[in-house]
Amino acid sequence: MKCDGVGYLAVPNRWMVTEPHFKLKFLSWWPRALRTSYLRLMRKGNLYDCEPLQMRQLERMLDAANFSYRNICIEAWRTTLDIEKANTFAARVLQKVPDTLLMSVRRIIPTLIYRFERR
């Protein structure tokens, strides 16, 4: 990254309720050693080789790499609904919910999204 560059990072969130690739509830919540067994038990696949991060884990990594960053999950969530499902009930409700209230659920938004740059 150039010294004055800006980056965008989107990674799966460990605490997402539904794992999007396998459409399985709570898959990433299980201890690592049990995720593949759970996947097989539910007949959704043979191997779960992802290691989704928790929000604080990702932020520690960005800090260690000497980046300043801003979590933009809520903005991205709203923008995505505006683009993909503009006239739905969910999009209308989400636009009216204050950011302060949404901050309490951003830990379970399926994708962690950050804007970052060098300090």
PDB file of N, CA and C in Angstrom:
ATOM      1  N   MET A   1       0.841  -1.170   0.000  1.00  0.00           N
ATOM      2  CA  MET A   1       0.000   0.000   0.000  1.00  0.00           C
ATOM      3  C   MET A   1       0.889   1.237   0.000  1.00  0.00           C
ATOM      4  N   LYS A   2       0.537   2.198  -0.828  1.00  0.00           N
ATOM      5  CA  LYS A   2       1.281   3.454  -0.839  1.00  0.00           C
ATOM      6  C   LYS A   2       1.089   4.167   0.489  1.00  0.00           C
ATOM      7  N   CYS A   3       2.035   5.027   0.832  1.00  0.00           N
ATOM      8  CA  CYS A   3       1.967   5.752   2.110  1.00  0.00           C
ATOM      9  C   CYS A   3       0.658   6.516   2.284  1.00  0.00           C
ATOM     10  N   ASP A   4       0.141   7.070   1.206  1.00  0.00           N
ATOM     11  CA  ASP A   4      -1.104   7.840   1.302  1.00  0.00           C
ATOM     12  C   ASP A   4      -2.309   7.044   0.795  1.00  0.00           C
ATOM     13  N   GLY A   5      -2.149   5.714   0.677  1.00  0.00           N
ATOM     14  CA  GLY A   5      -3.227   4.872   0.165  1.00  0.00           C
ATOM     15  C   GLY A   5      -4.317   4.621   1.193  1.00  0.00           C
ATOM     16  N   VAL A   6      -5.448   4.198   0.694  1.00  0.00           N
ATOM     17  CA  VAL A   6      -6.594   3.847   1.529  1.00  0.00           C
ATOM     18  C   VAL A   6      -7.032   2.446   1.134  1.00  0.00           C
ATOM     19  N   GLY A   7      -7.332   1.624   2.122  1.00  0.00           N
ATOM     20  CA  GLY A   7      -7.763   0.258   1.855  1.00  0.00           C
ATOM     21  C   GLY A   7      -9.172  -0.002   2.328  1.00  0.00           C
ATOM     22  N   TYR A   8      -9.733  -1.040   1.768  1.00  0.00           N
ATOM     23  CA  TYR A   8     -11.071  -1.502   2.123  1.00  0.00           C
ATOM     24  C   TYR A   8     -10.938  -2.986   2.412  1.00  0.00           C
ATOM     25  N   LEU A   9     -11.479  -3.430   3.522  1.00  0.00           N
ATOM     26  CA  LEU A   9     -11.354  -4.828   3.914  1.00  0.00           C
ATOM     27  C   LEU A   9     -12.715  -5.345   4.345  1.00  0.00           C
ATOM     28  N   ALA A  10     -13.132  -6.450   3.767  1.00  0.00           N
ATOM     29  CA  ALA A  10     -14.383  -7.106   4.152  1.00  0.00           C
ATOM     30  C   ALA A  10     -14.076  -8.577   4.407  1.00  0.00           C
ATOM     31  N   VAL A  11     -14.348  -9.032   5.624  1.00  0.00           N
ATOM     32  CA  VAL A  11     -14.078 -10.427   6.004  1.00  0.00           C
ATOM     33  C   VAL A  11     -15.275 -10.991   6.757  1.00  0.00           C
ATOM     34  N   PRO A  12     -15.453 -12.320   6.718  1.00  0.00           N
ATOM     35  CA  PRO A  12     -16.560 -12.923   7.463  1.00  0.00           C
ATOM     36  C   PRO A  12     -16.415 -12.673   8.960  1.00  0.00           C
ATOM     37  N   ASN A  13     -17.527 -12.491   9.616  1.00  0.00           N
ATOM     38  CA  ASN A  13     -17.577 -12.264  11.056  1.00  0.00           C
ATOM     39  C   ASN A  13     -17.811 -13.595  11.767  1.00  0.00           C
ATOM     40  N   ARG A  14     -17.008 -13.897  12.744  1.00  0.00           N
ATOM     41  CA  ARG A  14     -17.160 -15.152  13.504  1.00  0.00           C
ATOM     42  C   ARG A  14     -18.561 -15.295  14.076  1.00  0.00           C
ATOM     43  N   TRP A  15     -19.169 -14.197  14.487  1.00  0.00           N
ATOM     44  CA  TRP A  15     -20.462 -14.264  15.170  1.00  0.00           C
ATOM     45  C   TRP A  15     -21.652 -14.053  14.242  1.00  0.00           C
ATOM     46  N   MET A  16     -21.455 -14.261  12.933  1.00  0.00           N
ATOM     47  CA  MET A  16     -22.595 -14.207  12.011  1.00  0.00           C
ATOM     48  C   MET A  16     -23.555 -15.327  12.391  1.00  0.00           C
ATOM     49  N   VAL A  17     -24.836 -15.056  12.330  1.00  0.00           N
ATOM     50  CA  VAL A  17     -25.819 -16.063  12.722  1.00  0.00           C
ATOM     51  C   VAL A  17     -25.872 -17.194  11.695  1.00  0.00           C
ATOM     52  N   THR A  18     -25.949 -16.847  10.417  1.00  0.00           N
ATOM     53  CA  THR A  18     -26.014 -17.851   9.358  1.00  0.00           C
ATOM     54  C   THR A  18     -24.747 -17.778   8.516  1.00  0.00           C
ATOM     55  N   GLU A  19     -24.026 -18.874   8.417  1.00  0.00           N
ATOM     56  CA  GLU A  19     -22.833 -18.943   7.590  1.00  0.00           C
ATOM     57  C   GLU A  19     -23.300 -18.934   6.131  1.00  0.00           C
ATOM     58  N   PRO A  20     -22.876 -17.946   5.335  1.00  0.00           N
ATOM     59  CA  PRO A  20     -23.464 -17.756   4.004  1.00  0.00           C
ATOM     60  C   PRO A  20     -23.143 -18.827   2.963  1.00  0.00           C
ATOM     61  N   HIS A  21     -22.011 -19.488   3.055  1.00  0.00           N
ATOM     62  CA  HIS A  21     -21.654 -20.488   2.049  1.00  0.00           C
ATOM     63  C   HIS A  21     -22.437 -21.783   2.219  1.00  0.00           C
ATOM     64  N   PHE A  22     -22.676 -22.159   3.469  1.00  0.00           N
ATOM     65  CA  PHE A  22     -23.355 -23.421   3.753  1.00  0.00           C
ATOM     66  C   PHE A  22     -24.793 -23.237   4.223  1.00  0.00           C
ATOM     67  N   LYS A  23     -25.212 -21.972   4.407  1.00  0.00           N
ATOM     68  CA  LYS A  23     -26.575 -21.662   4.860  1.00  0.00           C
ATOM     69  C   LYS A  23     -26.906 -22.435   6.140  1.00  0.00           C
ATOM     70  N   LEU A  24     -25.971 -22.399   7.072  1.00  0.00           N
ATOM     71  CA  LEU A  24     -26.103 -23.157   8.310  1.00  0.00           C
ATOM     72  C   LEU A  24     -25.980 -22.217   9.497  1.00  0.00           C
ATOM     73  N   LYS A  25     -26.952 -22.260  10.376  1.00  0.00           N
ATOM     74  CA  LYS A  25     -26.967 -21.396  11.558  1.00  0.00           C
ATOM     75  C   LYS A  25     -25.839 -21.785  12.520  1.00  0.00           C
ATOM     76  N   PHE A  26     -25.182 -20.777  13.036  1.00  0.00           N
ATOM     77  CA  PHE A  26     -24.208 -20.891  14.129  1.00  0.00           C
ATOM     78  C   PHE A  26     -22.969 -21.748  13.818  1.00  0.00           C
ATOM     79  N   LEU A  27     -22.697 -22.037  12.568  1.00  0.00           N
ATOM     80  CA  LEU A  27     -21.542 -22.877  12.222  1.00  0.00           C
ATOM     81  C   LEU A  27     -20.230 -22.308  12.756  1.00  0.00           C
ATOM     82  N   SER A  28     -20.004 -21.020  12.552  1.00  0.00           N
ATOM     83  CA  SER A  28     -18.726 -20.445  12.977  1.00  0.00           C
ATOM     84  C   SER A  28     -18.652 -20.210  14.491  1.00  0.00           C
ATOM     85  N   TRP A  29     -19.752 -20.390  15.196  1.00  0.00           N
ATOM     86  CA  TRP A  29     -19.764 -20.216  16.650  1.00  0.00           C
ATOM     87  C   TRP A  29     -19.144 -21.409  17.370  1.00  0.00           C
ATOM     88  N   TRP A  30     -19.176 -22.565  16.728  1.00  0.00           N
ATOM     89  CA  TRP A  30     -18.639 -23.782  17.335  1.00  0.00           C
ATOM     90  C   TRP A  30     -17.123 -23.661  17.498  1.00  0.00           C
ATOM     91  N   PRO A  31     -16.538 -24.363  18.465  1.00  0.00           N
ATOM     92  CA  PRO A  31     -15.075 -24.422  18.536  1.00  0.00           C
ATOM     93  C   PRO A  31     -14.528 -24.974  17.219  1.00  0.00           C
ATOM     94  N   ARG A  32     -13.384 -24.505  16.810  1.00  0.00           N
ATOM     95  CA  ARG A  32     -12.780 -24.887  15.525  1.00  0.00           C
ATOM     96  C   ARG A  32     -12.793 -26.400  15.307  1.00  0.00           C
ATOM     97  N   ALA A  33     -12.449 -27.161  16.340  1.00  0.00           N
ATOM     98  CA  ALA A  33     -12.342 -28.615  16.211  1.00  0.00           C
ATOM     99  C   ALA A  33     -13.686 -29.283  15.916  1.00  0.00           C
ATOM    100  N   LEU A  34     -14.793 -28.613  16.174  1.00  0.00           N
ATOM    101  CA  LEU A  34     -16.114 -29.222  15.977  1.00  0.00           C
ATOM    102  C   LEU A  34     -16.853 -28.719  14.737  1.00  0.00           C
ATOM    103  N   ARG A  35     -16.341 -27.724  14.065  1.00  0.00           N
ATOM    104  CA  ARG A  35     -17.079 -27.123  12.941  1.00  0.00           C
ATOM    105  C   ARG A  35     -17.290 -28.087  11.786  1.00  0.00           C
ATOM    106  N   THR A  36     -16.272 -28.810  11.391  1.00  0.00           N
ATOM    107  CA  THR A  36     -16.423 -29.756  10.285  1.00  0.00           C
ATOM    108  C   THR A  36     -17.388 -30.872  10.662  1.00  0.00           C
ATOM    109  N   SER A  37     -17.303 -31.352  11.889  1.00  0.00           N
ATOM    110  CA  SER A  37     -18.231 -32.407  12.338  1.00  0.00           C
ATOM    111  C   SER A  37     -19.672 -31.919  12.295  1.00  0.00           C
ATOM    112  N   TYR A  38     -19.906 -30.691  12.736  1.00  0.00           N
ATOM    113  CA  TYR A  38     -21.247 -30.103  12.694  1.00  0.00           C
ATOM    114  C   TYR A  38     -21.726 -29.981  11.251  1.00  0.00           C
ATOM    115  N   LEU A  39     -20.851 -29.528  10.367  1.00  0.00           N
ATOM    116  CA  LEU A  39     -21.166 -29.387   8.946  1.00  0.00           C
ATOM    117  C   LEU A  39     -21.580 -30.740   8.358  1.00  0.00           C
ATOM    118  N   ARG A  40     -20.818 -31.779   8.665  1.00  0.00           N
ATOM    119  CA  ARG A  40     -21.122 -33.121   8.168  1.00  0.00           C
ATOM    120  C   ARG A  40     -22.411 -33.661   8.768  1.00  0.00           C
ATOM    121  N   LEU A  41     -22.583 -33.465  10.066  1.00  0.00           N
ATOM    122  CA  LEU A  41     -23.794 -33.931  10.752  1.00  0.00           C
ATOM    123  C   LEU A  41     -25.044 -33.323  10.117  1.00  0.00           C
ATOM    124  N   MET A  42     -24.956 -32.071   9.732  1.00  0.00           N
ATOM    125  CA  MET A  42     -26.097 -31.384   9.123  1.00  0.00           C
ATOM    126  C   MET A  42     -26.195 -31.646   7.619  1.00  0.00           C
ATOM    127  N   ARG A  43     -25.270 -32.475   7.090  1.00  0.00           N
ATOM    128  CA  ARG A  43     -25.250 -32.862   5.668  1.00  0.00           C
ATOM    129  C   ARG A  43     -25.187 -31.651   4.734  1.00  0.00           C
ATOM    130  N   LYS A  44     -24.294 -30.723   5.114  1.00  0.00           N
ATOM    131  CA  LYS A  44     -24.122 -29.501   4.329  1.00  0.00           C
ATOM    132  C   LYS A  44     -22.772 -29.447   3.619  1.00  0.00           C
ATOM    133  N   GLY A  45     -21.880 -30.363   3.938  1.00  0.00           N
ATOM    134  CA  GLY A  45     -20.557 -30.354   3.329  1.00  0.00           C
ATOM    135  C   GLY A  45     -19.628 -31.292   4.070  1.00  0.00           C
ATOM    136  N   ASN A  46     -18.368 -31.320   3.625  1.00  0.00           N
ATOM    137  CA  ASN A  46     -17.377 -32.237   4.202  1.00  0.00           C
ATOM    138  C   ASN A  46     -16.273 -31.552   4.987  1.00  0.00           C
ATOM    139  N   LEU A  47     -16.033 -30.263   4.704  1.00  0.00           N
ATOM    140  CA  LEU A  47     -14.910 -29.587   5.350  1.00  0.00           C
ATOM    141  C   LEU A  47     -15.222 -28.100   5.527  1.00  0.00           C
ATOM    142  N   TYR A  48     -15.040 -27.618   6.732  1.00  0.00           N
ATOM    143  CA  TYR A  48     -15.173 -26.184   6.985  1.00  0.00           C
ATOM    144  C   TYR A  48     -13.773 -25.663   7.280  1.00  0.00           C
ATOM    145  N   ASP A  49     -13.177 -25.030   6.282  1.00  0.00           N
ATOM    146  CA  ASP A  49     -11.790 -24.603   6.416  1.00  0.00           C
ATOM    147  C   ASP A  49     -11.659 -23.090   6.594  1.00  0.00           C
ATOM    148  N   CYS A  50     -12.723 -22.440   6.984  1.00  0.00           N
ATOM    149  CA  CYS A  50     -12.683 -20.988   7.227  1.00  0.00           C
ATOM    150  C   CYS A  50     -12.328 -20.722   8.685  1.00  0.00           C
ATOM    151  N   GLU A  51     -11.764 -19.576   8.919  1.00  0.00           N
ATOM    152  CA  GLU A  51     -11.501 -19.136  10.294  1.00  0.00           C
ATOM    153  C   GLU A  51     -11.989 -17.692  10.413  1.00  0.00           C
ATOM    154  N   PRO A  52     -13.317 -17.509  10.506  1.00  0.00           N
ATOM    155  CA  PRO A  52     -13.845 -16.154  10.614  1.00  0.00           C
ATOM    156  C   PRO A  52     -13.316 -15.454  11.871  1.00  0.00           C
ATOM    157  N   LEU A  53     -13.068 -14.176  11.736  1.00  0.00           N
ATOM    158  CA  LEU A  53     -12.513 -13.390  12.836  1.00  0.00           C
ATOM    159  C   LEU A  53     -13.614 -12.703  13.637  1.00  0.00           C
ATOM    160  N   GLN A  54     -13.316 -12.441  14.881  1.00  0.00           N
ATOM    161  CA  GLN A  54     -14.164 -11.583  15.692  1.00  0.00           C
ATOM    162  C   GLN A  54     -13.730 -10.146  15.433  1.00  0.00           C
ATOM    163  N   MET A  55     -14.631  -9.216  15.668  1.00  0.00           N
ATOM    164  CA  MET A  55     -14.347  -7.808  15.398  1.00  0.00           C
ATOM    165  C   MET A  55     -13.072  -7.352  16.110  1.00  0.00           C
ATOM    166  N   ARG A  56     -12.920  -7.666  17.372  1.00  0.00           N
ATOM    167  CA  ARG A  56     -11.741  -7.228  18.129  1.00  0.00           C
ATOM    168  C   ARG A  56     -10.463  -7.881  17.612  1.00  0.00           C
ATOM    169  N   GLN A  57     -10.539  -9.139  17.162  1.00  0.00           N
ATOM    170  CA  GLN A  57      -9.356  -9.792  16.595  1.00  0.00           C
ATOM    171  C   GLN A  57      -8.871  -9.031  15.370  1.00  0.00           C
ATOM    172  N   LEU A  58      -9.811  -8.687  14.490  1.00  0.00           N
ATOM    173  CA  LEU A  58      -9.443  -7.957  13.279  1.00  0.00           C
ATOM    174  C   LEU A  58      -8.873  -6.588  13.625  1.00  0.00           C
ATOM    175  N   GLU A  59      -9.470  -5.907  14.581  1.00  0.00           N
ATOM    176  CA  GLU A  59      -8.982  -4.586  14.964  1.00  0.00           C
ATOM    177  C   GLU A  59      -7.587  -4.660  15.573  1.00  0.00           C
ATOM    178  N   ARG A  60      -7.306  -5.716  16.339  1.00  0.00           N
ATOM    179  CA  ARG A  60      -5.947  -5.896  16.873  1.00  0.00           C
ATOM    180  C   ARG A  60      -4.938  -6.119  15.743  1.00  0.00           C
ATOM    181  N   MET A  61      -5.342  -6.849  14.718  1.00  0.00           N
ATOM    182  CA  MET A  61      -4.455  -7.080  13.576  1.00  0.00           C
ATOM    183  C   MET A  61      -4.178  -5.770  12.828  1.00  0.00           C
ATOM    184  N   LEU A  62      -5.203  -4.960  12.651  1.00  0.00           N
ATOM    185  CA  LEU A  62      -5.014  -3.671  11.981  1.00  0.00           C
ATOM    186  C   LEU A  62      -4.122  -2.757  12.813  1.00  0.00           C
ATOM    187  N   ASP A  63      -4.316  -2.769  14.129  1.00  0.00           N
ATOM    188  CA  ASP A  63      -3.442  -1.988  15.018  1.00  0.00           C
ATOM    189  C   ASP A  63      -1.993  -2.456  14.907  1.00  0.00           C
ATOM    190  N   ALA A  64      -1.790  -3.777  14.934  1.00  0.00           N
ATOM    191  CA  ALA A  64      -0.436  -4.336  14.875  1.00  0.00           C
ATOM    192  C   ALA A  64       0.250  -3.999  13.552  1.00  0.00           C
ATOM    193  N   ALA A  65      -0.534  -3.848  12.491  1.00  0.00           N
ATOM    194  CA  ALA A  65       0.019  -3.494  11.182  1.00  0.00           C
ATOM    195  C   ALA A  65       0.170  -1.978  11.027  1.00  0.00           C
ATOM    196  N   ASN A  66      -0.106  -1.252  12.107  1.00  0.00           N
ATOM    197  CA  ASN A  66       0.039   0.203  12.135  1.00  0.00           C
ATOM    198  C   ASN A  66      -0.915   0.935  11.186  1.00  0.00           C
ATOM    199  N   PHE A  67      -2.156   0.450  11.160  1.00  0.00           N
ATOM    200  CA  PHE A  67      -3.189   1.106  10.369  1.00  0.00           C
ATOM    201  C   PHE A  67      -4.156   1.842  11.287  1.00  0.00           C
ATOM    202  N   SER A  68      -4.640   2.974  10.836  1.00  0.00           N
ATOM    203  CA  SER A  68      -5.807   3.579  11.479  1.00  0.00           C
ATOM    204  C   SER A  68      -6.994   3.046  10.678  1.00  0.00           C
ATOM    205  N   TYR A  69      -8.125   2.890  11.311  1.00  0.00           N
ATOM    206  CA  TYR A  69      -9.243   2.236  10.637  1.00  0.00           C
ATOM    207  C   TYR A  69     -10.568   2.762  11.169  1.00  0.00           C
ATOM    208  N   ARG A  70     -11.588   2.464  10.381  1.00  0.00           N
ATOM    209  CA  ARG A  70     -12.950   2.829  10.769  1.00  0.00           C
ATOM    210  C   ARG A  70     -13.863   1.690  10.351  1.00  0.00           C
ATOM    211  N   ASN A  71     -14.649   1.194  11.290  1.00  0.00           N
ATOM    212  CA  ASN A  71     -15.630   0.153  11.010  1.00  0.00           C
ATOM    213  C   ASN A  71     -16.775   0.811  10.242  1.00  0.00           C
ATOM    214  N   ILE A  72     -17.045   0.321   9.033  1.00  0.00           N
ATOM    215  CA  ILE A  72     -18.114   0.912   8.219  1.00  0.00           C
ATOM    216  C   ILE A  72     -19.226  -0.105   7.935  1.00  0.00           C
ATOM    217  N   CYS A  73     -19.386  -1.087   8.814  1.00  0.00           N
ATOM    218  CA  CYS A  73     -20.392  -2.133   8.626  1.00  0.00           C
ATOM    219  C   CYS A  73     -21.806  -1.570   8.491  1.00  0.00           C
ATOM    220  N   ILE A  74     -22.155  -0.654   9.356  1.00  0.00           N
ATOM    221  CA  ILE A  74     -23.523  -0.124   9.346  1.00  0.00           C
ATOM    222  C   ILE A  74     -23.792   0.664   8.070  1.00  0.00           C
ATOM    223  N   GLU A  75     -22.857   1.513   7.690  1.00  0.00           N
ATOM    224  CA  GLU A  75     -23.015   2.268   6.435  1.00  0.00           C
ATOM    225  C   GLU A  75     -23.142   1.316   5.256  1.00  0.00           C
ATOM    226  N   ALA A  76     -22.304   0.289   5.229  1.00  0.00           N
ATOM    227  CA  ALA A  76     -22.329  -0.672   4.131  1.00  0.00           C
ATOM    228  C   ALA A  76     -23.635  -1.460   4.119  1.00  0.00           C
ATOM    229  N   TRP A  77     -24.117  -1.817   5.295  1.00  0.00           N
ATOM    230  CA  TRP A  77     -25.381  -2.551   5.426  1.00  0.00           C
ATOM    231  C   TRP A  77     -26.519  -1.732   4.820  1.00  0.00           C
ATOM    232  N   ARG A  78     -26.567  -0.477   5.205  1.00  0.00           N
ATOM    233  CA  ARG A  78     -27.615   0.411   4.674  1.00  0.00           C
ATOM    234  C   ARG A  78     -27.485   0.586   3.160  1.00  0.00           C
ATOM    235  N   THR A  79     -26.285   0.820   2.690  1.00  0.00           N
ATOM    236  CA  THR A  79     -26.066   1.031   1.258  1.00  0.00           C
ATOM    237  C   THR A  79     -26.436  -0.208   0.459  1.00  0.00           C
ATOM    238  N   THR A  80     -26.047  -1.382   0.952  1.00  0.00           N
ATOM    239  CA  THR A  80     -26.377  -2.630   0.259  1.00  0.00           C
ATOM    240  C   THR A  80     -27.882  -2.806   0.136  1.00  0.00           C
ATOM    241  N   LEU A  81     -28.604  -2.569   1.232  1.00  0.00           N
ATOM    242  CA  LEU A  81     -30.058  -2.690   1.156  1.00  0.00           C
ATOM    243  C   LEU A  81     -30.655  -1.657   0.218  1.00  0.00           C
ATOM    244  N   ASP A  82     -30.121  -0.445   0.222  1.00  0.00           N
ATOM    245  CA  ASP A  82     -30.609   0.589  -0.698  1.00  0.00           C
ATOM    246  C   ASP A  82     -30.442   0.168  -2.150  1.00  0.00           C
ATOM    247  N   ILE A  83     -29.337  -0.484  -2.447  1.00  0.00           N
ATOM    248  CA  ILE A  83     -29.049  -0.892  -3.829  1.00  0.00           C
ATOM    249  C   ILE A  83     -29.812  -2.159  -4.211  1.00  0.00           C
ATOM    250  N   GLU A  84     -29.746  -3.160  -3.345  1.00  0.00           N
ATOM    251  CA  GLU A  84     -30.277  -4.471  -3.705  1.00  0.00           C
ATOM    252  C   GLU A  84     -31.749  -4.676  -3.371  1.00  0.00           C
ATOM    253  N   LYS A  85     -32.223  -4.000  -2.348  1.00  0.00           N
ATOM    254  CA  LYS A  85     -33.606  -4.211  -1.899  1.00  0.00           C
ATOM    255  C   LYS A  85     -34.236  -2.886  -1.478  1.00  0.00           C
ATOM    256  N   ALA A  86     -34.127  -1.913  -2.347  1.00  0.00           N
ATOM    257  CA  ALA A  86     -34.471  -0.533  -2.018  1.00  0.00           C
ATOM    258  C   ALA A  86     -35.887  -0.336  -1.481  1.00  0.00           C
ATOM    259  N   ASN A  87     -36.851  -1.000  -2.005  1.00  0.00           N
ATOM    260  CA  ASN A  87     -38.239  -0.743  -1.611  1.00  0.00           C
ATOM    261  C   ASN A  87     -38.805  -1.781  -0.666  1.00  0.00           C
ATOM    262  N   THR A  88     -37.937  -2.521  -0.015  1.00  0.00           N
ATOM    263  CA  THR A  88     -38.425  -3.547   0.909  1.00  0.00           C
ATOM    264  C   THR A  88     -38.670  -2.945   2.288  1.00  0.00           C
ATOM    265  N   PHE A  89     -39.446  -3.662   3.062  1.00  0.00           N
ATOM    266  CA  PHE A  89     -39.732  -3.242   4.431  1.00  0.00           C
ATOM    267  C   PHE A  89     -38.433  -3.132   5.240  1.00  0.00           C
ATOM    268  N   ALA A  90     -37.540  -4.124   5.078  1.00  0.00           N
ATOM    269  CA  ALA A  90     -36.274  -4.131   5.824  1.00  0.00           C
ATOM    270  C   ALA A  90     -35.450  -2.881   5.528  1.00  0.00           C
ATOM    271  N   ALA A  91     -35.367  -2.490   4.266  1.00  0.00           N
ATOM    272  CA  ALA A  91     -34.581  -1.305   3.895  1.00  0.00           C
ATOM    273  C   ALA A  91     -35.187  -0.046   4.501  1.00  0.00           C
ATOM    274  N   ARG A  92     -36.486   0.060   4.464  1.00  0.00           N
ATOM    275  CA  ARG A  92     -37.151   1.253   5.030  1.00  0.00           C
ATOM    276  C   ARG A  92     -36.948   1.331   6.538  1.00  0.00           C
ATOM    277  N   VAL A  93     -37.062   0.203   7.207  1.00  0.00           N
ATOM    278  CA  VAL A  93     -36.871   0.182   8.669  1.00  0.00           C
ATOM    279  C   VAL A  93     -35.427   0.511   9.017  1.00  0.00           C
ATOM    280  N   LEU A  94     -34.489  -0.113   8.313  1.00  0.00           N
ATOM    281  CA  LEU A  94     -33.073   0.098   8.608  1.00  0.00           C
ATOM    282  C   LEU A  94     -32.680   1.565   8.448  1.00  0.00           C
ATOM    283  N   GLN A  95     -33.250   2.241   7.490  1.00  0.00           N
ATOM    284  CA  GLN A  95     -32.931   3.660   7.284  1.00  0.00           C
ATOM    285  C   GLN A  95     -33.420   4.520   8.451  1.00  0.00           C
ATOM    286  N   LYS A  96     -34.422   4.064   9.176  1.00  0.00           N
ATOM    287  CA  LYS A  96     -34.977   4.850  10.281  1.00  0.00           C
ATOM    288  C   LYS A  96     -34.333   4.541  11.641  1.00  0.00           C
ATOM    289  N   VAL A  97     -33.644   3.407  11.732  1.00  0.00           N
ATOM    290  CA  VAL A  97     -33.025   3.016  13.004  1.00  0.00           C
ATOM    291  C   VAL A  97     -31.765   3.852  13.215  1.00  0.00           C
ATOM    292  N   PRO A  98     -31.636   4.495  14.372  1.00  0.00           N
ATOM    293  CA  PRO A  98     -30.446   5.316  14.633  1.00  0.00           C
ATOM    294  C   PRO A  98     -29.163   4.478  14.715  1.00  0.00           C
ATOM    295  N   ASP A  99     -28.064   5.070  14.283  1.00  0.00           N
ATOM    296  CA  ASP A  99     -26.764   4.390  14.326  1.00  0.00           C
ATOM    297  C   ASP A  99     -26.434   3.887  15.727  1.00  0.00           C
ATOM    298  N   THR A 100     -26.768   4.659  16.742  1.00  0.00           N
ATOM    299  CA  THR A 100     -26.432   4.252  18.114  1.00  0.00           C
ATOM    300  C   THR A 100     -27.093   2.929  18.481  1.00  0.00           C
ATOM    301  N   LEU A 101     -28.286   2.699  17.981  1.00  0.00           N
ATOM    302  CA  LEU A 101     -28.956   1.425  18.248  1.00  0.00           C
ATOM    303  C   LEU A 101     -28.317   0.292  17.440  1.00  0.00           C
ATOM    304  N   LEU A 102     -27.976   0.565  16.197  1.00  0.00           N
ATOM    305  CA  LEU A 102     -27.353  -0.452  15.350  1.00  0.00           C
ATOM    306  C   LEU A 102     -25.956  -0.825  15.838  1.00  0.00           C
ATOM    307  N   MET A 103     -25.281   0.090  16.509  1.00  0.00           N
ATOM    308  CA  MET A 103     -23.937  -0.199  17.026  1.00  0.00           C
ATOM    309  C   MET A 103     -23.960  -1.420  17.948  1.00  0.00           C
ATOM    310  N   SER A 104     -25.071  -1.620  18.638  1.00  0.00           N
ATOM    311  CA  SER A 104     -25.152  -2.745  19.575  1.00  0.00           C
ATOM    312  C   SER A 104     -25.235  -4.093  18.869  1.00  0.00           C
ATOM    313  N   VAL A 105     -25.603  -4.118  17.584  1.00  0.00           N
ATOM    314  CA  VAL A 105     -25.693  -5.395  16.862  1.00  0.00           C
ATOM    315  C   VAL A 105     -24.593  -5.575  15.825  1.00  0.00           C
ATOM    316  N   ARG A 106     -23.692  -4.617  15.690  1.00  0.00           N
ATOM    317  CA  ARG A 106     -22.689  -4.747  14.628  1.00  0.00           C
ATOM    318  C   ARG A 106     -21.744  -5.913  14.850  1.00  0.00           C
ATOM    319  N   ARG A 107     -21.663  -6.417  16.073  1.00  0.00           N
ATOM    320  CA  ARG A 107     -20.808  -7.582  16.323  1.00  0.00           C
ATOM    321  C   ARG A 107     -21.334  -8.843  15.656  1.00  0.00           C
ATOM    322  N   ILE A 108     -22.628  -8.865  15.261  1.00  0.00           N
ATOM    323  CA  ILE A 108     -23.174 -10.053  14.597  1.00  0.00           C
ATOM    324  C   ILE A 108     -23.531  -9.797  13.136  1.00  0.00           C
ATOM    325  N   ILE A 109     -23.195  -8.625  12.606  1.00  0.00           N
ATOM    326  CA  ILE A 109     -23.385  -8.387  11.180  1.00  0.00           C
ATOM    327  C   ILE A 109     -22.487  -9.388  10.452  1.00  0.00           C
ATOM    328  N   PRO A 110     -22.996 -10.084   9.432  1.00  0.00           N
ATOM    329  CA  PRO A 110     -22.242 -11.185   8.827  1.00  0.00           C
ATOM    330  C   PRO A 110     -20.854 -10.841   8.274  1.00  0.00           C
ATOM    331  N   THR A 111     -20.657  -9.616   7.841  1.00  0.00           N
ATOM    332  CA  THR A 111     -19.367  -9.245   7.278  1.00  0.00           C
ATOM    333  C   THR A 111     -18.791  -8.045   8.008  1.00  0.00           C
ATOM    334  N   LEU A 112     -17.555  -8.166   8.449  1.00  0.00           N
ATOM    335  CA  LEU A 112     -16.848  -7.045   9.067  1.00  0.00           C
ATOM    336  C   LEU A 112     -16.254  -6.218   7.938  1.00  0.00           C
ATOM    337  N   ILE A 113     -16.565  -4.943   7.905  1.00  0.00           N
ATOM    338  CA  ILE A 113     -16.113  -4.080   6.808  1.00  0.00           C
ATOM    339  C   ILE A 113     -15.396  -2.872   7.392  1.00  0.00           C
ATOM    340  N   TYR A 114     -14.176  -2.650   6.909  1.00  0.00           N
ATOM    341  CA  TYR A 114     -13.329  -1.565   7.432  1.00  0.00           C
ATOM    342  C   TYR A 114     -12.716  -0.764   6.303  1.00  0.00           C
ATOM    343  N   ARG A 115     -12.572   0.509   6.563  1.00  0.00           N
ATOM    344  CA  ARG A 115     -11.760   1.405   5.740  1.00  0.00           C
ATOM    345  C   ARG A 115     -10.497   1.642   6.560  1.00  0.00           C
ATOM    346  N   PHE A 116      -9.320   1.527   5.937  1.00  0.00           N
ATOM    347  CA  PHE A 116      -8.088   1.700   6.706  1.00  0.00           C
ATOM    348  C   PHE A 116      -7.039   2.419   5.891  1.00  0.00           C
ATOM    349  N   GLU A 117      -6.070   2.977   6.627  1.00  0.00           N
ATOM    350  CA  GLU A 117      -4.925   3.668   6.009  1.00  0.00           C
ATOM    351  C   GLU A 117      -3.758   3.652   6.972  1.00  0.00           C
ATOM    352  N   ARG A 118      -2.577   3.918   6.451  1.00  0.00           N
ATOM    353  CA  ARG A 118      -1.388   3.950   7.314  1.00  0.00           C
ATOM    354  C   ARG A 118      -1.487   5.100   8.293  1.00  0.00           C
ATOM    355  N   ARG A 119      -0.940   4.873   9.486  1.00  0.00           N
ATOM    356  CA  ARG A 119      -0.912   5.937  10.494  1.00  0.00           C
ATOM    357  C   ARG A 119       0.177   6.927  10.152  1.00  0.00           C
TER     358      ARG A 119
END
